[in-house]
Amino acid sequence: MVKKLVLVFALSSGLVLSACNTVRGAGEDVQSVANEVDDEM
């Protein structure tokens, strides 16, 4: 039972961490586009 809980926790942690990286990357992409638009104006 403990092994199953540890496995579920480890998998959940991996998903959460990868989601954070994805959101951070998307934010950086949006910021980069906004900076390019500002430079053109």
PDB file of N, CA and C in Angstrom:
ATOM      1  N   MET A   1       0.827  -1.194   0.000  1.00  0.00           N
ATOM      2  CA  MET A   1       0.000   0.000   0.000  1.00  0.00           C
ATOM      3  C   MET A   1       0.872   1.259   0.000  1.00  0.00           C
ATOM      4  N   VAL A   2       1.918   1.254   0.796  1.00  0.00           N
ATOM      5  CA  VAL A   2       2.805   2.415   0.877  1.00  0.00           C
ATOM      6  C   VAL A   2       3.518   2.629  -0.457  1.00  0.00           C
ATOM      7  N   LYS A   3       3.915   1.543  -1.096  1.00  0.00           N
ATOM      8  CA  LYS A   3       4.593   1.661  -2.400  1.00  0.00           C
ATOM      9  C   LYS A   3       3.669   2.295  -3.437  1.00  0.00           C
ATOM     10  N   LYS A   4       2.388   1.937  -3.409  1.00  0.00           N
ATOM     11  CA  LYS A   4       1.431   2.514  -4.343  1.00  0.00           C
ATOM     12  C   LYS A   4       1.266   4.012  -4.094  1.00  0.00           C
ATOM     13  N   LEU A   5       1.189   4.404  -2.830  1.00  0.00           N
ATOM     14  CA  LEU A   5       1.050   5.821  -2.505  1.00  0.00           C
ATOM     15  C   LEU A   5       2.278   6.616  -2.939  1.00  0.00           C
ATOM     16  N   VAL A   6       3.452   6.052  -2.729  1.00  0.00           N
ATOM     17  CA  VAL A   6       4.685   6.725  -3.139  1.00  0.00           C
ATOM     18  C   VAL A   6       4.715   6.860  -4.656  1.00  0.00           C
ATOM     19  N   LEU A   7       4.303   5.844  -5.371  1.00  0.00           N
ATOM     20  CA  LEU A   7       4.270   5.885  -6.827  1.00  0.00           C
ATOM     21  C   LEU A   7       3.294   6.949  -7.321  1.00  0.00           C
ATOM     22  N   VAL A   8       2.113   6.991  -6.743  1.00  0.00           N
ATOM     23  CA  VAL A   8       1.114   7.995  -7.129  1.00  0.00           C
ATOM     24  C   VAL A   8       1.636   9.396  -6.835  1.00  0.00           C
ATOM     25  N   PHE A   9       2.264   9.588  -5.699  1.00  0.00           N
ATOM     26  CA  PHE A   9       2.815  10.895  -5.340  1.00  0.00           C
ATOM     27  C   PHE A   9       3.912  11.312  -6.313  1.00  0.00           C
ATOM     28  N   ALA A  10       4.783  10.394  -6.664  1.00  0.00           N
ATOM     29  CA  ALA A  10       5.883  10.693  -7.580  1.00  0.00           C
ATOM     30  C   ALA A  10       5.349  11.062  -8.965  1.00  0.00           C
ATOM     31  N   LEU A  11       4.387  10.323  -9.457  1.00  0.00           N
ATOM     32  CA  LEU A  11       3.806  10.631 -10.762  1.00  0.00           C
ATOM     33  C   LEU A  11       3.079  11.971 -10.755  1.00  0.00           C
ATOM     34  N   SER A  12       2.356  12.239  -9.690  1.00  0.00           N
ATOM     35  CA  SER A  12       1.641  13.513  -9.581  1.00  0.00           C
ATOM     36  C   SER A  12       2.619  14.682  -9.534  1.00  0.00           C
ATOM     37  N   SER A  13       3.690  14.516  -8.789  1.00  0.00           N
ATOM     38  CA  SER A  13       4.699  15.570  -8.696  1.00  0.00           C
ATOM     39  C   SER A  13       5.323  15.841 -10.051  1.00  0.00           C
ATOM     40  N   GLY A  14       5.600  14.804 -10.799  1.00  0.00           N
ATOM     41  CA  GLY A  14       6.175  14.970 -12.129  1.00  0.00           C
ATOM     42  C   GLY A  14       5.247  15.735 -13.061  1.00  0.00           C
ATOM     43  N   LEU A  15       3.972  15.439 -12.996  1.00  0.00           N
ATOM     44  CA  LEU A  15       3.007  16.144 -13.841  1.00  0.00           C
ATOM     45  C   LEU A  15       2.894  17.614 -13.457  1.00  0.00           C
ATOM     46  N   VAL A  16       2.878  17.887 -12.170  1.00  0.00           N
ATOM     47  CA  VAL A  16       2.776  19.275 -11.708  1.00  0.00           C
ATOM     48  C   VAL A  16       4.003  20.066 -12.135  1.00  0.00           C
ATOM     49  N   LEU A  17       5.175  19.492 -11.971  1.00  0.00           N
ATOM     50  CA  LEU A  17       6.401  20.202 -12.339  1.00  0.00           C
ATOM     51  C   LEU A  17       6.479  20.442 -13.837  1.00  0.00           C
ATOM     52  N   SER A  18       6.059  19.492 -14.629  1.00  0.00           N
ATOM     53  CA  SER A  18       6.103  19.695 -16.078  1.00  0.00           C
ATOM     54  C   SER A  18       5.082  20.739 -16.505  1.00  0.00           C
ATOM     55  N   ALA A  19       3.954  20.798 -15.840  1.00  0.00           N
ATOM     56  CA  ALA A  19       2.951  21.814 -16.161  1.00  0.00           C
ATOM     57  C   ALA A  19       3.481  23.206 -15.836  1.00  0.00           C
ATOM     58  N   CYS A  20       4.203  23.350 -14.739  1.00  0.00           N
ATOM     59  CA  CYS A  20       4.780  24.647 -14.386  1.00  0.00           C
ATOM     60  C   CYS A  20       5.757  25.101 -15.452  1.00  0.00           C
ATOM     61  N   ASN A  21       6.581  24.206 -15.938  1.00  0.00           N
ATOM     62  CA  ASN A  21       7.534  24.562 -16.983  1.00  0.00           C
ATOM     63  C   ASN A  21       6.817  24.955 -18.260  1.00  0.00           C
ATOM     64  N   THR A  22       5.723  24.295 -18.569  1.00  0.00           N
ATOM     65  CA  THR A  22       4.970  24.614 -19.780  1.00  0.00           C
ATOM     66  C   THR A  22       4.354  26.005 -19.672  1.00  0.00           C
ATOM     67  N   VAL A  23       3.778  26.314 -18.535  1.00  0.00           N
ATOM     68  CA  VAL A  23       3.169  27.629 -18.336  1.00  0.00           C
ATOM     69  C   VAL A  23       4.238  28.712 -18.370  1.00  0.00           C
ATOM     70  N   ARG A  24       5.381  28.462 -17.758  1.00  0.00           N
ATOM     71  CA  ARG A  24       6.468  29.440 -17.763  1.00  0.00           C
ATOM     72  C   ARG A  24       6.929  29.687 -19.199  1.00  0.00           C
ATOM     73  N   GLY A  25       7.081  28.635 -19.979  1.00  0.00           N
ATOM     74  CA  GLY A  25       7.507  28.780 -21.368  1.00  0.00           C
ATOM     75  C   GLY A  25       6.495  29.545 -22.199  1.00  0.00           C
ATOM     76  N   ALA A  26       5.223  29.287 -21.974  1.00  0.00           N
ATOM     77  CA  ALA A  26       4.178  30.009 -22.703  1.00  0.00           C
ATOM     78  C   ALA A  26       4.205  31.483 -22.329  1.00  0.00           C
ATOM     79  N   GLY A  27       4.416  31.782 -21.064  1.00  0.00           N
ATOM     80  CA  GLY A  27       4.513  33.172 -20.622  1.00  0.00           C
ATOM     81  C   GLY A  27       5.692  33.885 -21.264  1.00  0.00           C
ATOM     82  N   GLU A  28       6.811  33.205 -21.357  1.00  0.00           N
ATOM     83  CA  GLU A  28       7.986  33.803 -21.991  1.00  0.00           C
ATOM     84  C   GLU A  28       7.741  34.050 -23.475  1.00  0.00           C
ATOM     85  N   ASP A  29       7.031  33.135 -24.138  1.00  0.00           N
ATOM     86  CA  ASP A  29       6.712  33.319 -25.557  1.00  0.00           C
ATOM     87  C   ASP A  29       5.810  34.536 -25.758  1.00  0.00           C
ATOM     88  N   VAL A  30       4.809  34.674 -24.929  1.00  0.00           N
ATOM     89  CA  VAL A  30       3.894  35.813 -25.040  1.00  0.00           C
ATOM     90  C   VAL A  30       4.650  37.114 -24.788  1.00  0.00           C
ATOM     91  N   GLN A  31       5.526  37.112 -23.795  1.00  0.00           N
ATOM     92  CA  GLN A  31       6.303  38.305 -23.490  1.00  0.00           C
ATOM     93  C   GLN A  31       7.222  38.654 -24.660  1.00  0.00           C
ATOM     94  N   SER A  32       7.812  37.664 -25.273  1.00  0.00           N
ATOM     95  CA  SER A  32       8.691  37.901 -26.417  1.00  0.00           C
ATOM     96  C   SER A  32       7.928  38.526 -27.577  1.00  0.00           C
ATOM     97  N   VAL A  33       6.740  38.026 -27.851  1.00  0.00           N
ATOM     98  CA  VAL A  33       5.911  38.596 -28.922  1.00  0.00           C
ATOM     99  C   VAL A  33       5.522  40.025 -28.581  1.00  0.00           C
ATOM    100  N   ALA A  34       5.163  40.283 -27.337  1.00  0.00           N
ATOM    101  CA  ALA A  34       4.780  41.637 -26.931  1.00  0.00           C
ATOM    102  C   ALA A  34       5.957  42.593 -27.083  1.00  0.00           C
ATOM    103  N   ASN A  35       7.165  42.146 -26.752  1.00  0.00           N
ATOM    104  CA  ASN A  35       8.329  42.992 -26.906  1.00  0.00           C
ATOM    105  C   ASN A  35       8.592  43.309 -28.375  1.00  0.00           C
ATOM    106  N   GLU A  36       8.405  42.347 -29.256  1.00  0.00           N
ATOM    107  CA  GLU A  36       8.597  42.586 -30.685  1.00  0.00           C
ATOM    108  C   GLU A  36       7.562  43.591 -31.214  1.00  0.00           C
ATOM    109  N   VAL A  37       6.336  43.474 -30.764  1.00  0.00           N
ATOM    110  CA  VAL A  37       5.296  44.415 -31.190  1.00  0.00           C
ATOM    111  C   VAL A  37       5.631  45.814 -30.705  1.00  0.00           C
ATOM    112  N   ASP A  38       6.089  45.953 -29.471  1.00  0.00           N
ATOM    113  CA  ASP A  38       6.477  47.253 -28.935  1.00  0.00           C
ATOM    114  C   ASP A  38       7.629  47.856 -29.734  1.00  0.00           C
ATOM    115  N   ASP A  39       8.564  47.036 -30.159  1.00  0.00           N
ATOM    116  CA  ASP A  39       9.710  47.523 -30.931  1.00  0.00           C
ATOM    117  C   ASP A  39       9.271  48.031 -32.298  1.00  0.00           C
ATOM    118  N   GLU A  40       8.234  47.442 -32.873  1.00  0.00           N
ATOM    119  CA  GLU A  40       7.761  47.853 -34.200  1.00  0.00           C
ATOM    120  C   GLU A  40       6.999  49.159 -34.155  1.00  0.00           C
ATOM    121  N   MET A  41       6.408  49.487 -33.026  1.00  0.00           N
ATOM    122  CA  MET A  41       5.576  50.688 -32.929  1.00  0.00           C
ATOM    123  C   MET A  41       6.377  51.880 -32.598  1.00  0.00           C
TER     124      MET A  41
END
